[in-house]
Amino acid sequence: MSVALVLLCSVDAAATLILIKHGASELNVVMAKLINTGEQHFINTKIALTALGVIPLVVYRDFYLYGLLRIAGFLVVLVGAYAALVIYELVLLIGCGTIIICHA
């Protein structure tokens, strides 16, 4: 799950940059400022922050969050939410003609 989260973060970073080139804007204020520092810096920092955030989730995966949800389960929820975001971005990319789906 931790690798999936970092991979989804990478796809999200790339999709975000493409969408911004097509007129979209970054809603996260911190990430919006980071984009202005350069694309490569944005991608590197976004992936690094995600990877650093995943480390404690993996280390404490058998602990419970507020006694209700095991951290490993929380990681699954995060991957699901990130996957939903990436799917939404891909739909936007298809809509703006960036991704072309060919029919056989």
Protein backbone atom coordinates (compact mmCIF):
# COMPACT_ATOMS: atom_id res chain seq x y z
CA MET A 1 0.00 0.00 0.00
CA SER A 2 2.83 2.40 0.78
CA VAL A 3 4.34 2.00 -2.68
CA ALA A 4 0.92 2.49 -4.26
CA LEU A 5 0.50 5.74 -2.35
CA VAL A 6 3.83 7.10 -3.57
CA LEU A 7 3.11 5.98 -7.15
CA LEU A 8 -0.30 7.66 -7.05
CA CYS A 9 1.40 10.80 -5.75
CA SER A 10 3.74 10.73 -8.75
CA VAL A 11 0.87 10.39 -11.20
CA ASP A 12 -1.00 13.15 -9.37
CA ALA A 13 2.00 15.49 -9.65
CA ALA A 14 2.35 14.90 -13.39
CA ALA A 15 -1.38 15.20 -14.02
CA THR A 16 -1.53 18.41 -11.97
CA LEU A 17 1.20 20.02 -14.06
CA ILE A 18 -0.48 19.02 -17.32
CA LEU A 19 -3.86 20.29 -16.12
CA ILE A 20 -2.33 23.59 -15.05
CA LYS A 21 -0.87 24.00 -18.54
CA HIS A 22 -4.45 23.62 -19.81
CA GLY A 23 -5.87 26.30 -17.53
CA ALA A 24 -6.58 24.49 -14.27
CA SER A 25 -5.34 25.78 -10.93
CA GLU A 26 -3.93 24.04 -7.86
CA LEU A 27 -6.38 24.28 -4.95
CA ASN A 28 -3.81 23.42 -2.26
CA VAL A 29 -2.22 26.77 -1.36
CA VAL A 30 1.11 25.23 -0.31
CA MET A 31 1.39 23.16 -3.49
CA ALA A 32 0.36 26.15 -5.62
CA LYS A 33 3.28 28.15 -4.21
CA LEU A 34 5.57 25.16 -4.70
CA ILE A 35 4.62 24.91 -8.38
CA ASN A 36 5.89 28.46 -8.85
CA THR A 37 9.37 27.34 -7.74
CA GLY A 38 9.68 25.09 -10.79
CA GLU A 39 8.12 21.91 -12.08
CA GLN A 40 10.96 19.57 -11.11
CA HIS A 41 11.18 21.07 -7.63
CA PHE A 42 7.40 20.67 -7.25
CA ILE A 43 7.50 17.00 -8.28
CA ASN A 44 10.52 16.16 -6.11
CA THR A 45 9.13 17.90 -3.04
CA LYS A 46 5.64 16.43 -3.44
CA ILE A 47 6.96 12.88 -3.73
CA ALA A 48 9.46 13.38 -0.88
CA LEU A 49 6.79 14.75 1.47
CA THR A 50 4.47 11.87 0.62
CA ALA A 51 7.23 9.29 1.14
CA LEU A 52 8.18 10.87 4.48
CA GLY A 53 4.53 10.78 5.54
CA VAL A 54 4.22 7.12 4.60
CA ILE A 55 7.15 6.05 6.82
CA PRO A 56 5.36 6.53 10.16
CA LEU A 57 2.22 4.92 8.74
CA VAL A 58 4.23 1.80 7.88
CA VAL A 59 6.15 1.79 11.18
CA TYR A 60 2.95 2.12 13.23
CA ARG A 61 0.72 0.06 10.93
CA ASP A 62 -0.38 -2.24 13.78
CA PHE A 63 -1.42 0.63 16.06
CA TYR A 64 -4.94 2.02 16.18
CA LEU A 65 -6.07 5.52 15.28
CA TYR A 66 -8.20 6.78 18.18
CA GLY A 67 -8.78 3.16 19.13
CA LEU A 68 -11.06 2.70 16.13
CA LEU A 69 -9.12 2.14 12.94
CA ARG A 70 -5.85 0.30 12.58
CA ILE A 71 -3.21 2.49 10.90
CA ALA A 72 -2.85 -0.15 8.16
CA GLY A 73 -6.56 0.33 7.42
CA PHE A 74 -6.08 4.09 7.37
CA LEU A 75 -3.35 3.59 4.76
CA VAL A 76 -5.83 1.65 2.62
CA VAL A 77 -8.34 4.51 2.96
CA LEU A 78 -5.64 7.00 1.89
CA VAL A 79 -4.75 4.92 -1.17
CA GLY A 80 -8.43 4.72 -2.11
CA ALA A 81 -8.88 8.47 -1.74
CA TYR A 82 -5.73 9.18 -3.74
CA ALA A 83 -6.83 6.73 -6.44
CA ALA A 84 -10.17 8.55 -6.68
CA LEU A 85 -8.32 11.86 -7.09
CA VAL A 86 -6.08 10.45 -9.83
CA ILE A 87 -9.09 8.98 -11.66
CA TYR A 88 -10.78 12.39 -11.48
CA GLU A 89 -7.65 14.04 -12.91
CA LEU A 90 -7.49 11.48 -15.72
CA VAL A 91 -11.14 12.20 -16.56
CA LEU A 92 -10.28 15.91 -16.71
CA LEU A 93 -7.29 15.14 -18.95
CA ILE A 94 -9.47 13.08 -21.29
CA GLY A 95 -12.02 15.92 -21.32
CA CYS A 96 -9.47 18.53 -22.37
CA GLY A 97 -8.14 16.29 -25.14
CA THR A 98 -4.76 15.64 -23.51
CA ILE A 99 -5.40 11.92 -23.31
CA ILE A 100 -6.90 10.45 -26.45
CA ILE A 101 -8.62 7.12 -26.21
CA CYS A 102 -8.53 5.26 -29.50
CA HIS A 103 -11.24 2.85 -30.46
CA ALA A 104 -10.37 -0.24 -32.44
